[in-house]
Amino acid sequence: MRILITGGTGFVGLATAETLLAAGHEVTLFATSPLPDAFRDAKALAGAKIALGDICSEADLGAVIAQARPEAVLHLAAMTPDIEAEREMAARIIAVNVGGTATLLKMLRNAPDLKRVVTTSSVAVYGHVDLADGPIAEERAPNPASLYGITKAAAENTAQRLASLYGFDLRIARLGPLFGPWEYHTGVRPLLSPHAQVLAQWRKGSAAALARPLLGDWLYSRDAAQGLADLLTGTELRHAVYNIGAGASETVLDWANGFSGSVGGHGATVATSDEAPNVTVTMAQDRASLSIDRLSQDTGYTPKYRGETAAADYAEWLTTFDPLPKRISA
């Protein structure tokens, strides 16, 4: 299958490209930025075509659609702002996350072979849900608090309306909180996962100091990629909206202290009252996990990467693409 991925050179785009290429699909990555130098020779991405352009540009989208002739499209292009970006770049964030979605769907009317569009959303559309009220099923009404969640909810509604007008088979994937292989600073996602921030502290020779243990259903990027691939290619999809989550929860504190030995890191602690955390998170409190029952029932999706399996896989990937300094990992 010929598959076009917008935002394709970003974190989730590269993880999904890896999965799709391994399955024999033809993949085109559309993005504002090329592959970072560290990934340009990655065998896992060999064969992916790259086209640069702006998700808000009809001309750029028209060109890549004509070139790629997609049978399926995965729409990932988005801005994931931190609080400072919300303050300073609100109009641009709305333009990209909502306007870019509308522009893409408009231009896909000119894709004669198109069979399905999967647009990605986020757990952020649900807003805060107490742990006791989880797991969060897709039927729960969106109640976003952050600008990112607000724009993602608006993009969902926009995509569903335009898909009905244009006659597309559209599915929405609400992703849980992510970490793992292919995560890097892209410029449109200023705040990396707590896991990546822990690694950054280890590279400095420091332990990670967390504001709290950070319980969450942290979704490994390769599991997210498989879930998205299942939605792109699935033949028995009975719903418009699907959560993609980890199916289990753990704390970043436990992850860091368990993973530290795999890469020669410095562990993690919860910061004391007179100590500033060196890992930043936007969530003021832990939230409920996502239900993955719907996706599992319709596609057979089962997260593979948990505990020791995820640790071994991530350690191997880091050794190849993003090793910790020898003074730490030796």
Protein backbone atom coordinates (compact mmCIF):
# COMPACT_ATOMS: atom_id res chain seq x y z
CA MET A 1 0.00 0.00 0.00
CA ARG A 2 1.18 3.54 -0.78
CA ILE A 3 1.00 5.54 2.44
CA LEU A 4 1.58 9.26 2.98
CA ILE A 5 2.51 10.43 6.48
CA THR A 6 2.25 14.13 7.30
CA GLY A 7 4.61 15.25 10.02
CA GLY A 8 6.53 12.22 8.84
CA THR A 9 10.01 13.15 10.05
CA GLY A 10 8.82 13.73 13.62
CA PHE A 11 8.82 11.32 16.55
CA VAL A 12 5.68 9.29 15.84
CA GLY A 13 6.07 9.66 12.08
CA LEU A 14 9.44 7.92 12.07
CA ALA A 15 8.28 5.19 14.43
CA THR A 16 5.28 4.48 12.20
CA ALA A 17 7.35 4.66 9.02
CA GLU A 18 9.66 2.02 10.47
CA THR A 19 6.71 -0.30 11.14
CA LEU A 20 5.07 0.28 7.75
CA LEU A 21 8.29 -0.15 5.78
CA ALA A 22 9.02 -3.41 7.60
CA ALA A 23 5.58 -4.63 6.52
CA GLY A 24 6.36 -3.88 2.87
CA HIS A 25 4.41 -0.66 2.36
CA GLU A 26 5.59 2.26 0.23
CA VAL A 27 5.98 5.29 2.50
CA THR A 28 6.29 9.00 1.77
CA LEU A 29 7.12 11.37 4.62
CA PHE A 30 5.83 14.94 4.28
CA ALA A 31 7.25 17.43 6.78
CA THR A 32 8.69 20.89 7.24
CA SER A 33 12.12 19.51 8.19
CA PRO A 34 14.32 16.74 6.76
CA LEU A 35 15.53 13.77 8.74
CA PRO A 36 18.01 14.73 11.47
CA ASP A 37 21.59 13.76 10.66
CA ALA A 38 21.59 10.95 13.22
CA PHE A 39 18.80 9.11 11.37
CA ARG A 40 19.72 9.66 7.71
CA ASP A 41 21.49 6.33 7.31
CA ALA A 42 19.06 4.32 9.43
CA LYS A 43 18.41 0.98 7.74
CA ALA A 44 14.95 0.86 9.31
CA LEU A 45 13.97 3.95 7.29
CA ALA A 46 15.60 2.92 4.02
CA GLY A 47 13.19 3.33 1.14
CA ALA A 48 11.12 6.10 2.69
CA LYS A 49 10.65 9.05 0.37
CA ILE A 50 10.78 12.53 1.87
CA ALA A 51 8.97 15.63 0.63
CA LEU A 52 9.35 18.96 2.39
CA GLY A 53 6.51 21.43 2.70
CA ASP A 54 3.98 23.23 4.89
CA ILE A 55 0.82 21.45 6.06
CA CYS A 56 -1.06 24.74 5.59
CA SER A 57 0.03 25.13 1.94
CA GLU A 58 -2.34 23.87 -0.74
CA ALA A 59 0.49 23.99 -3.28
CA ASP A 60 2.85 21.90 -1.15
CA LEU A 61 0.15 19.36 -0.32
CA GLY A 62 -1.01 19.16 -3.91
CA ALA A 63 2.52 18.42 -5.06
CA VAL A 64 3.17 15.63 -2.56
CA ILE A 65 -0.25 14.05 -3.14
CA ALA A 66 0.40 13.96 -6.88
CA GLN A 67 3.86 12.48 -6.29
CA ALA A 68 2.92 9.90 -3.63
CA ARG A 69 -0.47 8.83 -5.06
CA PRO A 70 -1.51 7.69 -1.57
CA GLU A 71 -3.90 4.85 -0.90
CA ALA A 72 -3.88 5.77 2.79
CA VAL A 73 -2.85 8.88 4.70
CA LEU A 74 -1.68 9.21 8.29
CA HIS A 75 -2.04 12.80 9.46
CA LEU A 76 0.44 13.56 12.23
CA ALA A 77 1.55 17.10 11.41
CA ALA A 78 0.88 19.27 14.46
CA MET A 79 2.38 21.64 16.97
CA THR A 80 2.57 20.32 20.54
CA PRO A 81 3.14 23.49 22.58
CA ASP A 82 4.39 24.02 26.07
CA ILE A 83 2.88 26.81 28.18
CA GLU A 84 5.25 29.44 26.80
CA ALA A 85 4.34 28.54 23.23
CA GLU A 86 0.65 28.72 24.14
CA ARG A 87 1.20 32.27 25.36
CA GLU A 88 3.21 33.45 22.37
CA MET A 89 2.10 31.35 19.38
CA ALA A 90 -1.59 30.59 19.89
CA ALA A 91 -2.68 31.73 16.42
CA ARG A 92 -0.01 29.66 14.70
CA ILE A 93 -0.84 26.58 16.78
CA ILE A 94 -4.51 26.85 15.82
CA ALA A 95 -3.59 27.44 12.17
CA VAL A 96 -1.43 24.32 12.02
CA ASN A 97 -3.46 21.94 14.14
CA VAL A 98 -6.92 22.87 12.87
CA GLY A 99 -6.29 24.75 9.63
CA GLY A 100 -3.67 22.26 8.47
CA THR A 101 -6.12 19.41 8.97
CA ALA A 102 -8.76 21.21 6.91
CA THR A 103 -6.29 22.03 4.14
CA LEU A 104 -5.05 18.45 3.96
CA LEU A 105 -8.52 16.98 3.64
CA LYS A 106 -9.46 19.52 0.99
CA MET A 107 -6.43 18.61 -1.10
CA LEU A 108 -6.99 14.88 -0.67
CA ARG A 109 -10.09 15.22 -2.84
CA ASN A 110 -7.57 15.06 -5.68
CA ALA A 111 -6.19 11.66 -4.59
CA PRO A 112 -8.04 9.13 -6.79
CA ASP A 113 -6.63 6.00 -5.13
CA LEU A 114 -7.30 7.09 -1.55
CA LYS A 115 -8.98 4.45 0.61
CA ARG A 116 -8.53 5.74 4.18
CA VAL A 117 -7.36 8.71 6.24
CA VAL A 118 -6.23 8.28 9.84
CA THR A 119 -5.87 11.55 11.70
CA THR A 120 -4.11 11.51 15.04
CA SER A 121 -5.51 13.12 18.14
CA SER A 122 -4.48 12.88 21.77
CA VAL A 123 -5.44 11.87 25.27
CA ALA A 124 -5.33 15.63 25.86
CA VAL A 125 -8.83 15.96 24.36
CA TYR A 126 -10.27 14.29 27.48
CA GLY A 127 -8.73 16.82 29.86
CA HIS A 128 -8.04 15.66 33.38
CA VAL A 129 -9.78 12.45 34.43
CA ASP A 130 -9.21 11.22 37.98
CA LEU A 131 -7.50 7.86 38.39
CA ALA A 132 -10.62 6.45 40.03
CA ASP A 133 -12.72 7.31 36.97
CA GLY A 134 -10.61 5.37 34.50
CA PRO A 135 -9.88 3.72 32.26
CA ILE A 136 -10.99 6.36 29.75
CA ALA A 137 -13.19 4.97 26.98
CA GLU A 138 -13.77 6.69 23.65
CA GLU A 139 -17.39 7.46 24.57
CA ARG A 140 -16.25 9.91 27.23
CA ALA A 141 -17.05 13.50 26.22
CA PRO A 142 -13.97 15.60 25.41
CA ASN A 143 -13.16 18.26 27.99
CA PRO A 144 -9.77 19.66 26.99
CA ALA A 145 -7.94 22.18 29.15
CA SER A 146 -4.70 22.87 27.25
CA LEU A 147 -4.56 24.68 23.92
CA TYR A 148 -3.13 21.51 22.40
CA GLY A 149 -6.12 19.50 23.59
CA ILE A 150 -8.52 22.22 22.47
CA THR A 151 -7.05 22.30 18.96
CA LYS A 152 -6.98 18.52 18.73
CA ALA A 153 -10.66 18.31 19.66
CA ALA A 154 -11.43 20.99 17.06
CA ALA A 155 -9.34 19.15 14.48
CA GLU A 156 -11.28 15.94 15.18
CA ASN A 157 -14.60 17.68 14.57
CA THR A 158 -13.27 19.45 11.49
CA ALA A 159 -11.92 16.23 10.02
CA GLN A 160 -15.15 14.34 10.64
CA ARG A 161 -17.25 17.06 9.01
CA LEU A 162 -15.02 17.37 5.96
CA ALA A 163 -14.72 13.60 5.58
CA SER A 164 -18.50 13.39 5.40
CA LEU A 165 -18.56 16.13 2.76
CA TYR A 166 -15.77 14.60 0.69
CA GLY A 167 -16.72 10.96 1.15
CA PHE A 168 -13.56 9.78 2.94
CA ASP A 169 -13.16 6.76 5.20
CA LEU A 170 -11.77 8.65 8.22
CA ARG A 171 -10.58 7.19 11.52
CA ILE A 172 -9.35 9.14 14.53
CA ALA A 173 -6.55 7.81 16.74
CA ARG A 174 -6.24 9.30 20.23
CA LEU A 175 -2.69 8.63 21.35
CA GLY A 176 -1.62 8.22 24.95
CA PRO A 177 1.54 9.77 26.43
CA LEU A 178 4.53 8.64 24.38
CA PHE A 179 8.19 7.79 24.83
CA GLY A 180 10.78 5.61 23.14
CA PRO A 181 12.76 5.23 19.91
CA TRP A 182 12.88 8.10 17.39
CA GLU A 183 12.10 10.82 19.93
CA TYR A 184 14.16 13.96 19.39
CA HIS A 185 13.85 17.76 19.44
CA THR A 186 11.84 18.71 16.35
CA GLY A 187 11.11 22.38 17.00
CA VAL A 188 7.32 21.88 17.06
CA ARG A 189 7.34 19.84 20.28
CA PRO A 190 9.44 21.84 22.76
CA LEU A 191 8.79 19.60 25.76
CA LEU A 192 10.04 16.03 25.35
CA SER A 193 8.70 13.09 27.31
CA PRO A 194 9.80 12.74 30.95
CA HIS A 195 11.73 9.65 29.85
CA ALA A 196 13.76 11.63 27.30
CA GLN A 197 14.36 14.33 29.90
CA VAL A 198 15.66 11.69 32.33
CA LEU A 199 18.12 10.57 29.66
CA ALA A 200 19.19 14.19 29.16
CA GLN A 201 20.01 14.48 32.86
CA TRP A 202 22.02 11.27 32.75
CA ARG A 203 24.02 12.66 29.85
CA LYS A 204 24.99 15.54 32.12
CA GLY A 205 26.08 13.05 34.77
CA SER A 206 23.12 13.87 37.04
CA ALA A 207 20.29 11.91 38.57
CA ALA A 208 16.80 12.87 37.46
CA ALA A 209 14.74 14.75 40.05
CA LEU A 210 10.98 14.36 39.54
CA ALA A 211 8.18 16.45 41.01
CA ARG A 212 6.36 13.19 41.84
CA PRO A 213 6.69 9.56 40.71
CA LEU A 214 4.58 10.33 37.57
CA LEU A 215 2.19 7.43 37.21
CA GLY A 216 0.86 7.02 33.68
CA ASP A 217 0.05 4.61 30.86
CA TRP A 218 3.26 5.55 29.08
CA LEU A 219 3.00 4.35 25.48
CA TYR A 220 6.13 2.98 23.83
CA SER A 221 6.58 4.50 20.38
CA ARG A 222 6.77 1.15 18.60
CA ASP A 223 3.46 0.08 20.14
CA ALA A 224 1.91 3.38 19.04
CA ALA A 225 3.24 2.75 15.54
CA GLN A 226 1.68 -0.70 15.42
CA GLY A 227 -1.66 0.69 16.57
CA LEU A 228 -1.57 3.32 13.84
CA ALA A 229 -0.58 0.74 11.23
CA ASP A 230 -3.52 -1.40 12.34
CA LEU A 231 -5.89 1.51 11.78
CA LEU A 232 -4.41 2.32 8.37
CA THR A 233 -4.76 -1.23 7.09
CA GLY A 234 -7.53 -2.78 9.21
CA THR A 235 -10.52 -4.28 7.42
CA GLU A 236 -12.89 -4.76 10.37
CA LEU A 237 -13.00 -1.28 11.89
CA ARG A 238 -16.40 -0.70 13.47
CA HIS A 239 -15.78 2.73 15.01
CA ALA A 240 -14.70 6.21 13.99
CA VAL A 241 -12.54 6.91 17.06
CA TYR A 242 -9.94 4.70 18.72
CA ASN A 243 -7.66 5.14 21.71
CA ILE A 244 -4.09 3.89 21.35
CA GLY A 245 -2.60 3.33 24.78
CA ALA A 246 -0.17 1.15 26.67
CA GLY A 247 -2.81 -0.93 28.40
CA ALA A 248 -0.92 -0.71 31.71
CA SER A 249 0.53 1.99 33.94
CA GLU A 250 3.87 2.53 35.64
CA THR A 251 5.71 5.47 37.15
CA VAL A 252 8.55 7.30 35.46
CA LEU A 253 10.42 6.90 38.75
CA ASP A 254 10.24 3.11 38.56
CA TRP A 255 11.05 3.13 34.85
CA ALA A 256 14.12 5.32 35.35
CA ASN A 257 15.53 3.30 38.22
CA GLY A 258 14.89 0.05 36.39
CA PHE A 259 16.29 1.31 33.07
CA SER A 260 19.32 3.00 34.59
CA GLY A 261 21.26 -0.24 34.81
CA SER A 262 20.63 -1.00 31.12
CA VAL A 263 22.47 2.11 29.93
CA GLY A 264 24.66 3.13 32.84
CA GLY A 265 22.43 5.99 33.95
CA HIS A 266 22.19 7.79 37.27
CA GLY A 267 18.71 6.81 38.43
CA ALA A 268 15.93 9.10 39.61
CA THR A 269 14.46 10.47 42.82
CA VAL A 270 11.48 12.55 43.82
CA ALA A 271 12.70 16.08 44.49
CA THR A 272 12.66 17.19 48.11
CA SER A 273 10.81 20.31 49.24
CA ASP A 274 13.97 22.42 48.91
CA GLU A 275 15.03 20.91 45.57
CA ALA A 276 13.83 21.97 42.11
CA PRO A 277 12.82 19.14 39.78
CA ASN A 278 14.95 18.88 36.64
CA VAL A 279 12.27 16.99 34.69
CA THR A 280 9.35 19.16 33.50
CA VAL A 281 5.78 17.96 33.00
CA THR A 282 2.64 19.88 32.11
CA MET A 283 0.22 17.67 34.07
CA ALA A 284 -0.36 18.97 37.59
CA GLN A 285 -1.58 15.54 38.71
CA ASP A 286 -1.73 11.98 37.45
CA ARG A 287 -4.69 11.06 35.28
CA ALA A 288 -6.56 7.89 34.40
CA SER A 289 -5.27 5.54 31.73
CA LEU A 290 -6.81 4.99 28.31
CA SER A 291 -8.99 2.00 27.56
CA ILE A 292 -7.67 0.07 24.55
CA ASP A 293 -10.53 -2.45 24.42
CA ARG A 294 -12.03 -1.01 21.24
CA LEU A 295 -8.78 -1.15 19.27
CA SER A 296 -7.89 -4.59 20.61
CA GLN A 297 -11.30 -6.01 19.68
CA ASP A 298 -11.28 -4.61 16.14
CA THR A 299 -7.62 -5.13 15.19
CA GLY A 300 -6.06 -7.52 17.70
CA TYR A 301 -3.80 -4.73 18.95
CA THR A 302 -1.73 -5.85 21.93
CA PRO A 303 1.13 -3.70 23.26
CA LYS A 304 4.39 -5.68 23.04
CA TYR A 305 6.83 -3.36 24.76
CA ARG A 306 6.57 -3.35 28.53
CA GLY A 307 9.02 -3.77 31.37
CA GLU A 308 12.15 -5.69 30.45
CA THR A 309 11.09 -6.04 26.80
CA ALA A 310 10.82 -2.28 26.36
CA ALA A 311 14.01 -1.67 28.33
CA ALA A 312 16.07 -4.03 26.17
CA ASP A 313 14.64 -2.62 22.95
CA TYR A 314 15.16 1.01 23.96
CA ALA A 315 18.70 0.34 25.19
CA GLU A 316 19.57 -1.25 21.85
CA TRP A 317 18.10 1.68 19.93
CA LEU A 318 19.96 4.23 22.06
CA THR A 319 23.23 2.37 21.51
CA THR A 320 22.75 2.73 17.76
CA PHE A 321 21.29 6.21 17.41
CA ASP A 322 21.64 8.23 20.59
CA PRO A 323 24.20 6.68 22.95
CA LEU A 324 24.88 8.08 26.36
CA PRO A 325 28.43 9.40 26.84
CA LYS A 326 31.01 6.72 27.53
CA ARG A 327 31.78 8.22 30.92
CA ILE A 328 28.20 7.29 31.90
CA SER A 329 27.58 4.12 29.94
CA ALA A 330 30.97 2.50 30.51
